[in-house]
Amino acid sequence: MPDIQTGRATPADTPSAVLRQQYEEEGFLLLSGLVDDAVSAGAAGYMVDLPGMNGDVEALQKPHLHNAERGLFEHYALRDKTLLDCFGGAFIDMVSLLVDARDVHSPRGVQTQNLLRVEREWQAPGPHIDGIPKANRHRTFPGPYRIAFIAYMSDVESRGGGTLGWPGSHRIVRALAASDPERYAYLFDLNQSLGQLDLGPAVELLPKRGDIRFFQHLWVHGAPFNTRQQPRLALRPLCDCAACNGRWYKRDGWSFWQP
């Protein structure tokens, strides 16, 4: 792993042409200014009081999940307005801009991806692309999603759960997939070959509370764990409508939200 650079958010009021160009070239955008401070503060306060967030793993019951290796707590299909407000009008407008979508509907639920402190030496996570569970058999093209998101509800320090990403990696991965369409017909198989690619230097993203990361299909990133005392709080939008469930289905009638 080469030296890891660090990256922070771009203001959402940057000219739209600049944002679109950056998104197309780098495969992702980490943006600030899409969630009001009061909204993100309210969401953070709500999230730290969710079951298990005090370290009592036994308080977490299905469909919520705990991954001990990563210190990850996932609270699934929450519908509380305090959390849904994080994906309000400014978020919807930005999605519409980046994917040229009209009549974009709002998410109907959220999933937390909170990281509590893990007591071990930090290690850089391996690279992956989303949509890879073998059981789902997601095809590489057109892929199960056009755009994906994670909203951060806490300030993240280095080695505190900030995602690692490889700028421009979506273009490199797309070229590999196109070089052998039969071999790489499914995302699971494509993901197995990422190690053979020269993706360039990784960037450790260090968001602030209220920042949202947007990323493209085939953008390579790594899911870290958190070595800091402060929990890393994050949300992903879900939806249970028929259109979303026909794209990136997860479980129990829910899918990752798609415009």
Protein backbone atom coordinates (compact mmCIF):
# COMPACT_ATOMS: atom_id res chain seq x y z
CA MET A 1 0.00 0.00 0.00
CA PRO A 2 1.54 3.37 -1.02
CA ASP A 3 1.39 6.40 1.23
CA ILE A 4 -2.22 7.28 1.90
CA GLN A 5 -3.32 10.82 1.21
CA THR A 6 -6.16 12.50 3.08
CA GLY A 7 -9.21 14.17 1.59
CA ARG A 8 -11.91 16.48 2.91
CA ALA A 9 -15.26 17.64 1.61
CA THR A 10 -15.93 19.99 -1.27
CA PRO A 11 -18.60 22.67 -0.59
CA ALA A 12 -21.91 21.75 -2.24
CA ASP A 13 -22.28 25.33 -3.51
CA THR A 14 -19.28 24.87 -5.81
CA PRO A 15 -20.37 25.56 -9.42
CA SER A 16 -22.34 22.61 -10.71
CA ALA A 17 -20.12 22.15 -13.78
CA VAL A 18 -17.09 21.73 -11.50
CA LEU A 19 -18.91 19.20 -9.30
CA ARG A 20 -20.06 17.16 -12.28
CA GLN A 21 -16.57 17.11 -13.78
CA GLN A 22 -15.00 16.04 -10.48
CA TYR A 23 -17.60 13.32 -10.03
CA GLU A 24 -17.06 11.98 -13.54
CA GLU A 25 -13.27 12.04 -13.33
CA GLU A 26 -12.72 10.80 -9.77
CA GLY A 27 -15.80 8.58 -9.41
CA PHE A 28 -16.91 10.13 -6.13
CA LEU A 29 -17.72 13.37 -4.35
CA LEU A 30 -17.58 14.10 -0.63
CA LEU A 31 -19.76 17.19 -0.19
CA SER A 32 -20.46 19.52 2.71
CA GLY A 33 -23.43 21.85 3.09
CA LEU A 34 -26.27 19.50 2.11
CA VAL A 35 -27.46 18.81 5.66
CA ASP A 36 -28.38 21.61 8.04
CA ASP A 37 -26.27 21.70 11.20
CA ALA A 38 -29.31 21.33 13.44
CA VAL A 39 -30.50 18.31 11.43
CA SER A 40 -27.14 16.53 11.60
CA ALA A 41 -26.80 17.30 15.32
CA GLY A 42 -30.25 15.86 15.95
CA ALA A 43 -29.46 12.75 13.94
CA ALA A 44 -26.17 12.23 15.77
CA GLY A 45 -27.88 12.52 19.13
CA TYR A 46 -30.49 9.99 18.05
CA MET A 47 -27.91 7.54 16.71
CA VAL A 48 -25.67 7.39 19.78
CA ASP A 49 -28.69 6.28 21.84
CA LEU A 50 -29.61 3.37 19.55
CA PRO A 51 -29.39 -0.18 20.97
CA GLY A 52 -25.84 -1.46 21.26
CA MET A 53 -24.17 1.90 20.87
CA ASN A 54 -23.21 1.85 24.57
CA GLY A 55 -21.29 -1.38 23.92
CA ASP A 56 -24.07 -3.68 25.08
CA VAL A 57 -24.14 -5.98 22.05
CA GLU A 58 -26.90 -8.14 23.54
CA ALA A 59 -29.27 -5.16 23.31
CA LEU A 60 -29.06 -5.33 19.52
CA GLN A 61 -31.76 -7.57 18.08
CA LYS A 62 -32.64 -8.63 14.53
CA PRO A 63 -32.96 -7.22 11.93
CA HIS A 64 -30.15 -5.07 13.31
CA LEU A 65 -26.63 -6.51 13.00
CA HIS A 66 -23.26 -6.39 14.76
CA ASN A 67 -19.88 -7.17 13.19
CA ALA A 68 -17.41 -7.62 16.04
CA GLU A 69 -14.31 -7.63 13.82
CA ARG A 70 -15.06 -4.13 12.53
CA GLY A 71 -16.95 -2.83 15.57
CA LEU A 72 -19.85 -2.21 13.17
CA PHE A 73 -23.44 -1.68 14.32
CA GLU A 74 -26.09 -1.67 11.60
CA HIS A 75 -29.57 -0.52 12.58
CA TYR A 76 -31.78 -1.55 9.71
CA ALA A 77 -34.80 0.08 8.05
CA LEU A 78 -35.29 2.93 10.51
CA ARG A 79 -38.06 5.35 9.56
CA ASP A 80 -37.59 8.11 12.12
CA LYS A 81 -37.94 11.59 10.64
CA THR A 82 -34.89 12.77 12.56
CA LEU A 83 -32.77 10.50 10.35
CA LEU A 84 -34.71 10.80 7.12
CA ASP A 85 -34.32 14.60 7.22
CA CYS A 86 -30.62 14.08 6.47
CA PHE A 87 -31.70 13.10 2.95
CA GLY A 88 -33.86 16.15 2.31
CA GLY A 89 -34.31 18.53 -0.59
CA ALA A 90 -30.67 19.58 -0.96
CA PHE A 91 -29.59 15.95 -1.17
CA ILE A 92 -32.29 15.11 -3.72
CA ASP A 93 -31.30 18.11 -5.86
CA MET A 94 -27.64 17.04 -5.84
CA VAL A 95 -28.53 13.48 -6.86
CA SER A 96 -30.62 14.87 -9.72
CA LEU A 97 -27.67 16.98 -10.85
CA LEU A 98 -25.14 14.16 -10.80
CA VAL A 99 -27.22 11.52 -12.60
CA ASP A 100 -29.44 13.76 -14.76
CA ALA A 101 -32.56 12.36 -13.10
CA ARG A 102 -36.01 13.93 -12.91
CA ASP A 103 -38.86 13.33 -10.46
CA VAL A 104 -36.51 11.78 -7.90
CA HIS A 105 -38.46 10.27 -5.00
CA SER A 106 -37.32 10.47 -1.39
CA PRO A 107 -35.88 7.55 0.60
CA ARG A 108 -38.34 5.81 2.92
CA GLY A 109 -35.87 4.49 5.46
CA VAL A 110 -32.25 4.47 6.52
CA GLN A 111 -29.60 2.02 7.66
CA THR A 112 -26.93 3.06 10.14
CA GLN A 113 -23.34 1.98 9.67
CA ASN A 114 -21.82 3.02 12.99
CA LEU A 115 -18.29 2.06 14.00
CA LEU A 116 -17.31 1.80 17.66
CA ARG A 117 -13.68 1.74 18.67
CA VAL A 118 -11.73 -1.45 17.94
CA GLU A 119 -8.79 -2.17 20.23
CA ARG A 120 -6.15 -3.20 17.72
CA GLU A 121 -3.56 -1.65 15.44
CA TRP A 122 -5.07 0.11 12.44
CA GLN A 123 -4.69 -1.60 9.08
CA ALA A 124 -5.64 -0.26 5.68
CA PRO A 125 -8.70 -2.09 4.34
CA GLY A 126 -8.58 -4.02 1.10
CA PRO A 127 -10.22 -2.55 -2.01
CA HIS A 128 -13.67 -3.63 -3.17
CA ILE A 129 -16.58 -2.54 -5.31
CA ASP A 130 -20.17 -2.53 -4.03
CA GLY A 131 -22.85 -5.01 -5.00
CA ILE A 132 -20.62 -8.09 -4.74
CA PRO A 133 -22.43 -10.72 -2.60
CA LYS A 134 -22.20 -13.87 -4.69
CA ALA A 135 -25.71 -14.93 -3.73
CA ASN A 136 -27.20 -11.77 -5.31
CA ARG A 137 -25.61 -12.43 -8.73
CA HIS A 138 -25.52 -8.74 -9.59
CA ARG A 139 -24.39 -8.28 -13.17
CA THR A 140 -21.48 -5.93 -13.85
CA PHE A 141 -23.34 -4.05 -16.58
CA PRO A 142 -25.48 -2.09 -16.14
CA GLY A 143 -24.90 -2.86 -12.44
CA PRO A 144 -27.40 -2.74 -9.58
CA TYR A 145 -26.99 1.01 -9.06
CA ARG A 146 -26.02 4.20 -10.81
CA ILE A 147 -25.01 6.13 -7.73
CA ALA A 148 -24.55 5.29 -4.05
CA PHE A 149 -24.32 7.34 -0.86
CA ILE A 150 -23.24 7.49 2.75
CA ALA A 151 -23.95 10.42 5.05
CA TYR A 152 -21.61 11.00 7.98
CA MET A 153 -23.08 12.18 11.27
CA SER A 154 -19.83 12.65 13.17
CA ASP A 155 -16.48 14.31 12.57
CA VAL A 156 -13.97 11.66 11.49
CA GLU A 157 -10.28 11.77 12.32
CA SER A 158 -7.57 9.79 10.56
CA ARG A 159 -7.91 6.08 11.36
CA GLY A 160 -11.31 6.82 12.84
CA GLY A 161 -13.47 5.07 10.25
CA GLY A 162 -13.05 7.34 7.25
CA THR A 163 -13.46 5.44 3.98
CA LEU A 164 -10.43 4.80 1.80
CA GLY A 165 -11.04 5.45 -1.88
CA TRP A 166 -9.11 5.31 -5.13
CA PRO A 167 -9.82 8.38 -7.31
CA GLY A 168 -10.45 7.47 -10.92
CA SER A 169 -10.56 3.74 -10.16
CA HIS A 170 -14.01 3.32 -11.72
CA ARG A 171 -12.51 3.93 -15.16
CA ILE A 172 -9.72 1.37 -14.60
CA VAL A 173 -12.20 -1.25 -13.36
CA ARG A 174 -14.59 -0.57 -16.22
CA ALA A 175 -11.79 -1.14 -18.72
CA LEU A 176 -10.92 -4.46 -17.07
CA ALA A 177 -14.56 -5.58 -17.15
CA ALA A 178 -14.90 -4.61 -20.82
CA SER A 179 -11.74 -6.52 -21.71
CA ASP A 180 -13.39 -9.86 -20.94
CA PRO A 181 -17.20 -9.48 -20.75
CA GLU A 182 -17.79 -13.20 -20.24
CA ARG A 183 -15.32 -13.62 -17.39
CA TYR A 184 -16.47 -10.45 -15.66
CA ALA A 185 -20.18 -10.68 -16.29
CA TYR A 186 -20.85 -10.55 -12.54
CA LEU A 187 -19.58 -8.06 -9.98
CA PHE A 188 -18.51 -10.85 -7.64
CA ASP A 189 -16.05 -12.18 -10.19
CA LEU A 190 -14.82 -8.73 -11.17
CA ASN A 191 -14.12 -7.95 -7.53
CA GLN A 192 -11.78 -10.95 -7.29
CA SER A 193 -9.43 -9.37 -9.86
CA LEU A 194 -9.03 -5.92 -8.30
CA GLY A 195 -5.70 -6.91 -6.77
CA GLN A 196 -4.09 -7.15 -10.22
CA LEU A 197 -4.83 -3.50 -11.01
CA ASP A 198 -2.63 -0.46 -10.41
CA LEU A 199 -5.20 1.87 -8.87
CA GLY A 200 -2.76 4.57 -7.82
CA PRO A 201 -2.63 6.12 -4.34
CA ALA A 202 -5.55 5.77 -1.96
CA VAL A 203 -7.22 8.70 -0.24
CA GLU A 204 -8.48 8.48 3.35
CA LEU A 205 -11.63 10.59 3.44
CA LEU A 206 -12.05 12.61 6.64
CA PRO A 207 -15.63 13.92 6.63
CA LYS A 208 -17.24 16.28 9.08
CA ARG A 209 -20.69 15.83 10.58
CA GLY A 210 -23.26 16.39 7.83
CA ASP A 211 -20.98 15.57 4.90
CA ILE A 212 -22.32 13.14 2.29
CA ARG A 213 -20.28 10.92 -0.03
CA PHE A 214 -21.64 10.17 -3.49
CA PHE A 215 -19.95 7.47 -5.56
CA GLN A 216 -20.29 5.75 -8.88
CA HIS A 217 -20.82 2.17 -9.93
CA LEU A 218 -17.41 0.42 -10.06
CA TRP A 219 -15.65 3.01 -7.86
CA VAL A 220 -13.14 1.16 -5.67
CA HIS A 221 -13.05 1.83 -1.94
CA GLY A 222 -12.20 0.17 1.36
CA ALA A 223 -14.26 -0.15 4.53
CA PRO A 224 -12.07 0.62 7.57
CA PHE A 225 -12.49 0.13 11.28
CA ASN A 226 -12.28 2.84 13.93
CA THR A 227 -9.37 3.14 16.36
CA ARG A 228 -10.57 6.43 17.86
CA GLN A 229 -12.55 6.92 21.03
CA GLN A 230 -15.41 8.72 19.26
CA PRO A 231 -17.92 6.54 17.39
CA ARG A 232 -18.03 6.95 13.62
CA LEU A 233 -21.70 7.61 12.83
CA ALA A 234 -23.06 7.15 9.31
CA LEU A 235 -26.31 6.59 7.41
CA ARG A 236 -27.27 5.05 4.09
CA PRO A 237 -30.70 5.65 2.50
CA LEU A 238 -33.07 2.71 1.96
CA CYS A 239 -36.37 2.33 0.14
CA ASP A 240 -39.07 -0.32 -0.01
CA CYS A 241 -40.73 0.82 -3.25
CA ALA A 242 -41.02 -1.58 -6.20
CA ALA A 243 -38.60 0.40 -8.39
CA CYS A 244 -35.77 0.35 -5.82
CA ASN A 245 -36.37 -3.29 -4.96
CA GLY A 246 -35.93 -4.15 -8.62
CA ARG A 247 -32.43 -2.65 -8.63
CA TRP A 248 -30.34 -3.17 -5.52
CA TYR A 249 -32.37 -5.44 -3.24
CA LYS A 250 -31.02 -6.14 0.24
CA ARG A 251 -33.47 -8.03 2.48
CA ASP A 252 -36.82 -7.97 4.26
CA GLY A 253 -38.49 -5.99 1.49
CA TRP A 254 -35.87 -3.22 1.48
CA SER A 255 -33.24 -2.09 -0.98
CA PHE A 256 -30.57 0.57 -1.07
CA TRP A 257 -32.38 3.66 -2.38
CA GLN A 258 -31.86 4.56 -6.01
CA PRO A 259 -33.02 7.65 -7.97
